[in-house]
Amino acid sequence: LHHLSADSVQPYPHGIYRHFKSPVWRFDEPWHWRMRLRARAVLARHVQFKPQTVDKAKAFYANNMLAFGDRPLLGVHIRSIYAAQDSARRLIPTDEYYPLINLYLQHRPETLIFLS
């Protein structure tokens, strides 16, 4: 779907949701939760993982995340390399990630961060 469609799944607020970034980043947990639920539904409908892949992912999670206790997990994917290779994309400076991460951590300071 298009980024201006209210039915789209968006990994971060842009298009019709760009007001979350202005005048400063703000974390809107209900919005992010809706996007995660939409993404989960799309993935469940269209993606099927091989059992050995699921086993490896579960082992990684148990050894690297649960080992620190049952805490919230924030995944951060910085796509600078991909954007740099695609002239149509805006290269997002790493500094733009910090305000949103910090806002999330203010709400959930016990969070683990998984950076990829």
C-alpha atoms as a PDB file:
ATOM      1  CA  LEU A   1       0.000   0.000   0.000  1.00  0.00           C
ATOM      2  CA  HIS A   2       0.989   3.593  -0.438  1.00  0.00           C
ATOM      3  CA  HIS A   3       2.543   5.586   2.426  1.00  0.00           C
ATOM      4  CA  LEU A   4      -0.423   7.965   2.307  1.00  0.00           C
ATOM      5  CA  SER A   5      -2.942   5.157   2.864  1.00  0.00           C
ATOM      6  CA  ALA A   6      -4.340   4.731   6.368  1.00  0.00           C
ATOM      7  CA  ASP A   7      -4.302   0.944   5.751  1.00  0.00           C
ATOM      8  CA  SER A   8      -0.538   0.759   5.172  1.00  0.00           C
ATOM      9  CA  VAL A   9       1.914  -0.980   7.463  1.00  0.00           C
ATOM     10  CA  GLN A  10       4.655   1.489   8.315  1.00  0.00           C
ATOM     11  CA  PRO A  11       7.864   0.752  10.216  1.00  0.00           C
ATOM     12  CA  TYR A  12       8.180   4.371  11.327  1.00  0.00           C
ATOM     13  CA  PRO A  13       5.868   7.391  11.051  1.00  0.00           C
ATOM     14  CA  HIS A  14       5.929   8.954   7.604  1.00  0.00           C
ATOM     15  CA  GLY A  15       3.368   9.863   4.970  1.00  0.00           C
ATOM     16  CA  ILE A  16       0.049  10.532   6.697  1.00  0.00           C
ATOM     17  CA  TYR A  17       1.688   9.893  10.087  1.00  0.00           C
ATOM     18  CA  ARG A  18       4.567  12.361   9.661  1.00  0.00           C
ATOM     19  CA  HIS A  19       3.026  14.620  12.338  1.00  0.00           C
ATOM     20  CA  PHE A  20       4.616  12.288  14.934  1.00  0.00           C
ATOM     21  CA  LYS A  21       7.983  13.735  13.895  1.00  0.00           C
ATOM     22  CA  SER A  22       7.061  17.395  14.109  1.00  0.00           C
ATOM     23  CA  PRO A  23       8.131  19.569  15.806  1.00  0.00           C
ATOM     24  CA  VAL A  24      10.143  16.805  17.538  1.00  0.00           C
ATOM     25  CA  TRP A  25      10.006  13.024  17.588  1.00  0.00           C
ATOM     26  CA  ARG A  26       7.445  11.598  19.954  1.00  0.00           C
ATOM     27  CA  PHE A  27       6.774   7.973  20.743  1.00  0.00           C
ATOM     28  CA  ASP A  28       3.156   6.939  20.238  1.00  0.00           C
ATOM     29  CA  GLU A  29       2.849   3.413  21.631  1.00  0.00           C
ATOM     30  CA  PRO A  30      -0.716   2.752  20.376  1.00  0.00           C
ATOM     31  CA  TRP A  31       0.341   3.682  16.816  1.00  0.00           C
ATOM     32  CA  HIS A  32       3.412   1.446  16.940  1.00  0.00           C
ATOM     33  CA  TRP A  33       1.352  -1.382  18.418  1.00  0.00           C
ATOM     34  CA  ARG A  34      -1.202  -1.104  15.564  1.00  0.00           C
ATOM     35  CA  MET A  35       1.609  -1.222  13.012  1.00  0.00           C
ATOM     36  CA  ARG A  36       3.141  -4.310  14.653  1.00  0.00           C
ATOM     37  CA  LEU A  37      -0.242  -6.077  14.614  1.00  0.00           C
ATOM     38  CA  ARG A  38      -0.755  -5.207  10.944  1.00  0.00           C
ATOM     39  CA  ALA A  39       2.732  -6.422  10.060  1.00  0.00           C
ATOM     40  CA  ARG A  40       2.173  -9.662  11.962  1.00  0.00           C
ATOM     41  CA  ALA A  41      -1.057 -10.314  10.036  1.00  0.00           C
ATOM     42  CA  VAL A  42       0.640  -9.703   6.676  1.00  0.00           C
ATOM     43  CA  LEU A  43       3.581 -11.938   7.575  1.00  0.00           C
ATOM     44  CA  ALA A  44       1.322 -14.722   8.884  1.00  0.00           C
ATOM     45  CA  ARG A  45      -0.648 -14.649   5.638  1.00  0.00           C
ATOM     46  CA  HIS A  46       2.297 -14.537   3.228  1.00  0.00           C
ATOM     47  CA  VAL A  47       5.434 -15.890   4.926  1.00  0.00           C
ATOM     48  CA  GLN A  48       6.174 -19.368   6.197  1.00  0.00           C
ATOM     49  CA  PHE A  49       9.503 -20.114   7.871  1.00  0.00           C
ATOM     50  CA  LYS A  50      11.295 -23.428   7.734  1.00  0.00           C
ATOM     51  CA  PRO A  51      11.300 -25.231  11.110  1.00  0.00           C
ATOM     52  CA  GLN A  52      15.118 -25.161  11.355  1.00  0.00           C
ATOM     53  CA  THR A  53      15.083 -21.375  10.850  1.00  0.00           C
ATOM     54  CA  VAL A  54      12.512 -20.985  13.633  1.00  0.00           C
ATOM     55  CA  ASP A  55      14.616 -23.215  15.909  1.00  0.00           C
ATOM     56  CA  LYS A  56      17.732 -21.107  15.276  1.00  0.00           C
ATOM     57  CA  ALA A  57      15.843 -17.862  15.926  1.00  0.00           C
ATOM     58  CA  LYS A  58      14.383 -19.217  19.182  1.00  0.00           C
ATOM     59  CA  ALA A  59      17.827 -20.387  20.339  1.00  0.00           C
ATOM     60  CA  PHE A  60      19.360 -16.997  19.514  1.00  0.00           C
ATOM     61  CA  TYR A  61      16.576 -15.211  21.403  1.00  0.00           C
ATOM     62  CA  ALA A  62      16.927 -17.487  24.439  1.00  0.00           C
ATOM     63  CA  ASN A  63      20.724 -17.160  24.553  1.00  0.00           C
ATOM     64  CA  ASN A  64      21.012 -13.451  23.776  1.00  0.00           C
ATOM     65  CA  MET A  65      17.814 -11.830  24.972  1.00  0.00           C
ATOM     66  CA  LEU A  66      16.135 -13.950  27.648  1.00  0.00           C
ATOM     67  CA  ALA A  67      19.525 -14.436  29.279  1.00  0.00           C
ATOM     68  CA  PHE A  68      19.127 -10.817  30.475  1.00  0.00           C
ATOM     69  CA  GLY A  69      15.676 -11.473  31.941  1.00  0.00           C
ATOM     70  CA  ASP A  70      12.176 -10.981  30.652  1.00  0.00           C
ATOM     71  CA  ARG A  71      12.532  -7.388  29.426  1.00  0.00           C
ATOM     72  CA  PRO A  72      11.099  -5.373  26.537  1.00  0.00           C
ATOM     73  CA  LEU A  73      13.158  -5.553  23.353  1.00  0.00           C
ATOM     74  CA  LEU A  74      13.569  -2.655  20.930  1.00  0.00           C
ATOM     75  CA  GLY A  75      14.854  -3.589  17.477  1.00  0.00           C
ATOM     76  CA  VAL A  76      16.685  -0.793  15.644  1.00  0.00           C
ATOM     77  CA  HIS A  77      17.604  -1.313  12.003  1.00  0.00           C
ATOM     78  CA  ILE A  78      19.827   1.426  10.610  1.00  0.00           C
ATOM     79  CA  ARG A  79      19.643   1.262   6.832  1.00  0.00           C
ATOM     80  CA  SER A  80      22.284   3.837   5.917  1.00  0.00           C
ATOM     81  CA  ILE A  81      24.204   1.563   3.529  1.00  0.00           C
ATOM     82  CA  TYR A  82      21.078   0.697   1.531  1.00  0.00           C
ATOM     83  CA  ALA A  83      19.935   4.312   1.333  1.00  0.00           C
ATOM     84  CA  ALA A  84      23.376   5.426   0.190  1.00  0.00           C
ATOM     85  CA  GLN A  85      23.149   2.970  -2.741  1.00  0.00           C
ATOM     86  CA  ASP A  86      19.695   4.221  -3.770  1.00  0.00           C
ATOM     87  CA  SER A  87      19.700   7.848  -4.901  1.00  0.00           C
ATOM     88  CA  ALA A  88      15.896   8.044  -4.549  1.00  0.00           C
ATOM     89  CA  ARG A  89      16.104   7.472  -0.803  1.00  0.00           C
ATOM     90  CA  ARG A  90      17.043  10.030   1.781  1.00  0.00           C
ATOM     91  CA  LEU A  91      20.034   8.986   3.843  1.00  0.00           C
ATOM     92  CA  ILE A  92      18.845   9.266   7.441  1.00  0.00           C
ATOM     93  CA  PRO A  93      21.650  10.452   9.704  1.00  0.00           C
ATOM     94  CA  THR A  94      22.202   8.233  12.731  1.00  0.00           C
ATOM     95  CA  ASP A  95      21.519  11.241  14.983  1.00  0.00           C
ATOM     96  CA  GLU A  96      17.872  11.166  13.875  1.00  0.00           C
ATOM     97  CA  TYR A  97      17.394   7.758  15.512  1.00  0.00           C
ATOM     98  CA  TYR A  98      18.441   8.897  18.984  1.00  0.00           C
ATOM     99  CA  PRO A  99      15.455  11.090  19.920  1.00  0.00           C
ATOM    100  CA  LEU A 100      12.936   8.321  19.235  1.00  0.00           C
ATOM    101  CA  ILE A 101      15.052   5.675  20.988  1.00  0.00           C
ATOM    102  CA  ASN A 102      15.487   7.973  23.999  1.00  0.00           C
ATOM    103  CA  LEU A 103      11.752   8.666  24.162  1.00  0.00           C
ATOM    104  CA  TYR A 104      11.043   4.940  24.124  1.00  0.00           C
ATOM    105  CA  LEU A 105      13.608   4.354  26.869  1.00  0.00           C
ATOM    106  CA  GLN A 106      11.996   7.057  29.000  1.00  0.00           C
ATOM    107  CA  HIS A 107       8.813   4.957  28.982  1.00  0.00           C
ATOM    108  CA  ARG A 108      10.620   1.615  29.363  1.00  0.00           C
ATOM    109  CA  PRO A 109      14.125   2.140  30.790  1.00  0.00           C
ATOM    110  CA  GLU A 110      14.659  -1.602  31.314  1.00  0.00           C
ATOM    111  CA  THR A 111      14.536  -2.227  27.539  1.00  0.00           C
ATOM    112  CA  LEU A 112      17.192  -4.196  25.686  1.00  0.00           C
ATOM    113  CA  ILE A 113      18.204  -2.772  22.307  1.00  0.00           C
ATOM    114  CA  PHE A 114      18.895  -5.072  19.366  1.00  0.00           C
ATOM    115  CA  LEU A 115      20.793  -3.097  16.727  1.00  0.00           C
ATOM    116  CA  SER A 116      21.153  -4.368  13.182  1.00  0.00           C
END
